[in-house]
Amino acid sequence: MNDQEKQRAVEILNKIMELELAGVVRYTHYSLMIYGYNRIPIVSWLKGNADESLAHAHKAGELVTLLGGHPSLKIGPLLETAKHDIGDILRESMEHEKTAIAAYFELLKASEGISVLLEEYARDMIVGEELHLDEVNKMLRKPGDVEPFNL
């Protein structure tokens, strides 16, 4: 991997780190805004997502330092829509996850044929994020709906 390829990978990994840290803040906020009969399991699920986002940010940061880069201190975009219906929260979550997946695909494309480590990392993260998106998609469906929810 030449210096230019390393620099590009570090840029993308820092973007991933920033997005995942935004996920920590976002999911923590969401967990505080859930009300109603199903509050307890949804809050637990959201807290789990915040923990997972922190682990993902840490992993991306470790790869930044492995490549000799400096991990970002920034946090990705945080938009407060003031919509706190569970459906709204899930749709916002879905949009956030799609942005994260796009960053992992960007890393995969930049590392293909250059670094097996980064390729496998990106592929593994894409699989996890796609499964997470499917989970959110299923949560947005009405009971008995078979067709995927489309944003």
C-alpha atoms as a PDB file:
ATOM      1  CA  MET A   1       0.000   0.000   0.000  1.00  0.00           C
ATOM      2  CA  ASN A   2       1.593   3.270  -1.075  1.00  0.00           C
ATOM      3  CA  ASP A   3       1.365   6.542   0.864  1.00  0.00           C
ATOM      4  CA  GLN A   4      -1.477   7.928  -1.258  1.00  0.00           C
ATOM      5  CA  GLU A   5      -3.537   4.731  -0.770  1.00  0.00           C
ATOM      6  CA  LYS A   6      -2.858   4.831   2.990  1.00  0.00           C
ATOM      7  CA  GLN A   7      -3.890   8.476   3.162  1.00  0.00           C
ATOM      8  CA  ARG A   8      -7.146   7.727   1.312  1.00  0.00           C
ATOM      9  CA  ALA A   9      -7.886   4.764   3.582  1.00  0.00           C
ATOM     10  CA  VAL A  10      -7.229   6.891   6.680  1.00  0.00           C
ATOM     11  CA  GLU A  11      -9.611   9.583   5.366  1.00  0.00           C
ATOM     12  CA  ILE A  12     -12.377   7.036   4.845  1.00  0.00           C
ATOM     13  CA  LEU A  13     -11.732   5.314   8.177  1.00  0.00           C
ATOM     14  CA  ASN A  14     -11.908   8.678   9.945  1.00  0.00           C
ATOM     15  CA  LYS A  15     -15.215   9.374   8.185  1.00  0.00           C
ATOM     16  CA  ILE A  16     -16.460   5.974   9.385  1.00  0.00           C
ATOM     17  CA  MET A  17     -15.262   6.743  12.903  1.00  0.00           C
ATOM     18  CA  GLU A  18     -17.103  10.087  12.859  1.00  0.00           C
ATOM     19  CA  LEU A  19     -20.311   8.463  11.580  1.00  0.00           C
ATOM     20  CA  GLU A  20     -20.161   5.721  14.201  1.00  0.00           C
ATOM     21  CA  LEU A  21     -19.562   8.264  16.984  1.00  0.00           C
ATOM     22  CA  ALA A  22     -22.583  10.191  15.712  1.00  0.00           C
ATOM     23  CA  GLY A  23     -24.462   6.903  16.009  1.00  0.00           C
ATOM     24  CA  VAL A  24     -23.501   6.692  19.698  1.00  0.00           C
ATOM     25  CA  VAL A  25     -24.979  10.141  20.329  1.00  0.00           C
ATOM     26  CA  ARG A  26     -27.999   9.525  18.115  1.00  0.00           C
ATOM     27  CA  TYR A  27     -28.936   6.155  19.645  1.00  0.00           C
ATOM     28  CA  THR A  28     -28.364   7.434  23.173  1.00  0.00           C
ATOM     29  CA  HIS A  29     -30.670  10.377  22.464  1.00  0.00           C
ATOM     30  CA  TYR A  30     -33.275   8.117  20.903  1.00  0.00           C
ATOM     31  CA  SER A  31     -33.190   5.790  23.912  1.00  0.00           C
ATOM     32  CA  LEU A  32     -34.109   8.720  26.142  1.00  0.00           C
ATOM     33  CA  MET A  33     -37.047   9.751  23.953  1.00  0.00           C
ATOM     34  CA  ILE A  34     -39.016   6.488  23.894  1.00  0.00           C
ATOM     35  CA  TYR A  35     -42.349   6.457  25.684  1.00  0.00           C
ATOM     36  CA  GLY A  36     -45.233   4.037  25.795  1.00  0.00           C
ATOM     37  CA  TYR A  37     -45.959   0.379  26.421  1.00  0.00           C
ATOM     38  CA  ASN A  38     -43.021  -0.986  24.459  1.00  0.00           C
ATOM     39  CA  ARG A  39     -40.474   1.389  26.017  1.00  0.00           C
ATOM     40  CA  ILE A  40     -38.279  -1.125  27.862  1.00  0.00           C
ATOM     41  CA  PRO A  41     -37.350  -3.454  24.980  1.00  0.00           C
ATOM     42  CA  ILE A  42     -36.907  -0.571  22.526  1.00  0.00           C
ATOM     43  CA  VAL A  43     -34.721   1.406  24.942  1.00  0.00           C
ATOM     44  CA  SER A  44     -32.581  -1.701  25.492  1.00  0.00           C
ATOM     45  CA  TRP A  45     -32.262  -2.209  21.736  1.00  0.00           C
ATOM     46  CA  LEU A  46     -31.258   1.429  21.193  1.00  0.00           C
ATOM     47  CA  LYS A  47     -28.685   1.310  24.006  1.00  0.00           C
ATOM     48  CA  GLY A  48     -27.258  -1.821  22.399  1.00  0.00           C
ATOM     49  CA  ASN A  49     -26.953   0.067  19.108  1.00  0.00           C
ATOM     50  CA  ALA A  50     -25.119   2.901  20.874  1.00  0.00           C
ATOM     51  CA  ASP A  51     -22.679   0.390  22.385  1.00  0.00           C
ATOM     52  CA  GLU A  52     -22.189  -1.265  18.995  1.00  0.00           C
ATOM     53  CA  SER A  53     -21.548   2.100  17.321  1.00  0.00           C
ATOM     54  CA  LEU A  54     -18.885   2.888  19.920  1.00  0.00           C
ATOM     55  CA  ALA A  55     -17.200  -0.465  19.272  1.00  0.00           C
ATOM     56  CA  HIS A  56     -17.312   0.218  15.523  1.00  0.00           C
ATOM     57  CA  ALA A  57     -15.780   3.681  16.008  1.00  0.00           C
ATOM     58  CA  HIS A  58     -13.010   2.198  18.128  1.00  0.00           C
ATOM     59  CA  LYS A  59     -12.278  -0.470  15.525  1.00  0.00           C
ATOM     60  CA  ALA A  60     -12.052   2.129  12.749  1.00  0.00           C
ATOM     61  CA  GLY A  61      -9.753   4.247  14.933  1.00  0.00           C
ATOM     62  CA  GLU A  62      -7.482   1.271  15.574  1.00  0.00           C
ATOM     63  CA  LEU A  63      -7.140   0.793  11.822  1.00  0.00           C
ATOM     64  CA  VAL A  64      -6.334   4.484  11.402  1.00  0.00           C
ATOM     65  CA  THR A  65      -3.426   4.132  13.826  1.00  0.00           C
ATOM     66  CA  LEU A  66      -2.374   0.837  12.242  1.00  0.00           C
ATOM     67  CA  LEU A  67      -1.936   2.770   8.989  1.00  0.00           C
ATOM     68  CA  GLY A  68       0.054   5.487  10.776  1.00  0.00           C
ATOM     69  CA  GLY A  69      -2.784   8.000  10.722  1.00  0.00           C
ATOM     70  CA  HIS A  70      -4.309  10.220  13.377  1.00  0.00           C
ATOM     71  CA  PRO A  71      -7.859   9.367  14.529  1.00  0.00           C
ATOM     72  CA  SER A  72     -10.381  12.155  14.083  1.00  0.00           C
ATOM     73  CA  LEU A  73     -11.842  14.007  17.054  1.00  0.00           C
ATOM     74  CA  LYS A  74     -14.908  14.999  15.044  1.00  0.00           C
ATOM     75  CA  ILE A  75     -18.391  13.574  15.229  1.00  0.00           C
ATOM     76  CA  GLY A  76     -20.493  13.046  12.118  1.00  0.00           C
ATOM     77  CA  PRO A  77     -23.637  15.048  11.384  1.00  0.00           C
ATOM     78  CA  LEU A  78     -26.296  15.149  14.065  1.00  0.00           C
ATOM     79  CA  LEU A  79     -29.659  16.489  12.983  1.00  0.00           C
ATOM     80  CA  GLU A  80     -32.362  17.010  15.566  1.00  0.00           C
ATOM     81  CA  THR A  81     -35.653  16.577  13.776  1.00  0.00           C
ATOM     82  CA  ALA A  82     -37.666  16.831  17.004  1.00  0.00           C
ATOM     83  CA  LYS A  83     -39.666  13.836  15.784  1.00  0.00           C
ATOM     84  CA  HIS A  84     -39.817  11.267  18.533  1.00  0.00           C
ATOM     85  CA  ASP A  85     -42.455   8.844  17.366  1.00  0.00           C
ATOM     86  CA  ILE A  86     -40.897   5.357  17.316  1.00  0.00           C
ATOM     87  CA  GLY A  87     -41.508   5.110  13.570  1.00  0.00           C
ATOM     88  CA  ASP A  88     -39.772   8.440  12.981  1.00  0.00           C
ATOM     89  CA  ILE A  89     -36.830   7.353  15.119  1.00  0.00           C
ATOM     90  CA  LEU A  90     -36.533   4.093  13.195  1.00  0.00           C
ATOM     91  CA  ARG A  91     -36.680   5.874   9.839  1.00  0.00           C
ATOM     92  CA  GLU A  92     -33.954   8.299  10.986  1.00  0.00           C
ATOM     93  CA  SER A  93     -31.924   5.314  12.174  1.00  0.00           C
ATOM     94  CA  MET A  94     -32.328   3.689   8.786  1.00  0.00           C
ATOM     95  CA  GLU A  95     -31.058   6.810   7.005  1.00  0.00           C
ATOM     96  CA  HIS A  96     -28.060   6.991   9.346  1.00  0.00           C
ATOM     97  CA  GLU A  97     -27.232   3.322   8.762  1.00  0.00           C
ATOM     98  CA  LYS A  98     -27.453   3.778   4.982  1.00  0.00           C
ATOM     99  CA  THR A  99     -24.889   6.584   5.235  1.00  0.00           C
ATOM    100  CA  ALA A 100     -22.592   4.342   7.281  1.00  0.00           C
ATOM    101  CA  ILE A 101     -22.929   1.491   4.770  1.00  0.00           C
ATOM    102  CA  ALA A 102     -22.002   3.870   1.955  1.00  0.00           C
ATOM    103  CA  ALA A 103     -18.800   4.779   3.826  1.00  0.00           C
ATOM    104  CA  TYR A 104     -17.914   1.102   4.299  1.00  0.00           C
ATOM    105  CA  PHE A 105     -18.506   0.491   0.575  1.00  0.00           C
ATOM    106  CA  GLU A 106     -16.259   3.467  -0.158  1.00  0.00           C
ATOM    107  CA  LEU A 107     -13.516   1.845   1.940  1.00  0.00           C
ATOM    108  CA  LEU A 108     -14.053  -1.497   0.207  1.00  0.00           C
ATOM    109  CA  LYS A 109     -13.688   0.099  -3.216  1.00  0.00           C
ATOM    110  CA  ALA A 110     -10.569   2.038  -2.161  1.00  0.00           C
ATOM    111  CA  SER A 111      -8.902  -1.070  -0.684  1.00  0.00           C
ATOM    112  CA  GLU A 112      -9.809  -3.738  -3.268  1.00  0.00           C
ATOM    113  CA  GLY A 113      -6.687  -5.465  -4.491  1.00  0.00           C
ATOM    114  CA  ILE A 114      -4.552  -3.306  -2.191  1.00  0.00           C
ATOM    115  CA  SER A 115      -5.206  -4.499   1.366  1.00  0.00           C
ATOM    116  CA  VAL A 116      -6.866  -7.765   2.324  1.00  0.00           C
ATOM    117  CA  LEU A 117      -7.122  -6.494   5.902  1.00  0.00           C
ATOM    118  CA  LEU A 118      -9.152  -3.434   4.908  1.00  0.00           C
ATOM    119  CA  GLU A 119     -11.189  -5.358   2.345  1.00  0.00           C
ATOM    120  CA  GLU A 120     -12.206  -7.992   4.884  1.00  0.00           C
ATOM    121  CA  TYR A 121     -12.888  -5.359   7.546  1.00  0.00           C
ATOM    122  CA  ALA A 122     -15.124  -3.416   5.129  1.00  0.00           C
ATOM    123  CA  ARG A 123     -16.940  -6.570   3.987  1.00  0.00           C
ATOM    124  CA  ASP A 124     -17.529  -7.712   7.574  1.00  0.00           C
ATOM    125  CA  MET A 125     -18.881  -4.311   8.566  1.00  0.00           C
ATOM    126  CA  ILE A 126     -21.122  -4.139   5.495  1.00  0.00           C
ATOM    127  CA  VAL A 127     -22.627  -7.528   6.358  1.00  0.00           C
ATOM    128  CA  GLY A 128     -23.343  -6.385   9.920  1.00  0.00           C
ATOM    129  CA  GLU A 129     -24.794  -3.061   8.810  1.00  0.00           C
ATOM    130  CA  GLU A 130     -26.997  -4.709   6.181  1.00  0.00           C
ATOM    131  CA  LEU A 131     -28.339  -7.122   8.807  1.00  0.00           C
ATOM    132  CA  HIS A 132     -28.983  -4.175  11.098  1.00  0.00           C
ATOM    133  CA  LEU A 133     -30.833  -2.366   8.289  1.00  0.00           C
ATOM    134  CA  ASP A 134     -32.971  -5.462   7.758  1.00  0.00           C
ATOM    135  CA  GLU A 135     -33.795  -5.525  11.460  1.00  0.00           C
ATOM    136  CA  VAL A 136     -34.925  -1.880  11.363  1.00  0.00           C
ATOM    137  CA  ASN A 137     -36.848  -2.541   8.158  1.00  0.00           C
ATOM    138  CA  LYS A 138     -38.742  -5.381   9.822  1.00  0.00           C
ATOM    139  CA  MET A 139     -39.492  -3.193  12.836  1.00  0.00           C
ATOM    140  CA  LEU A 140     -41.078  -0.606  10.524  1.00  0.00           C
ATOM    141  CA  ARG A 141     -43.469  -3.124   8.968  1.00  0.00           C
ATOM    142  CA  LYS A 142     -46.935  -3.776  10.235  1.00  0.00           C
ATOM    143  CA  PRO A 143     -47.492  -7.280  11.610  1.00  0.00           C
ATOM    144  CA  GLY A 144     -48.121  -9.638   8.715  1.00  0.00           C
ATOM    145  CA  ASP A 145     -46.441  -7.427   6.091  1.00  0.00           C
ATOM    146  CA  VAL A 146     -44.029  -9.458   3.989  1.00  0.00           C
ATOM    147  CA  GLU A 147     -42.879  -6.697   1.634  1.00  0.00           C
ATOM    148  CA  PRO A 148     -39.875  -4.671   2.823  1.00  0.00           C
ATOM    149  CA  PHE A 149     -40.486  -1.158   4.075  1.00  0.00           C
ATOM    150  CA  ASN A 150     -39.132   1.373   1.581  1.00  0.00           C
ATOM    151  CA  LEU A 151     -37.947   4.802   2.600  1.00  0.00           C
END
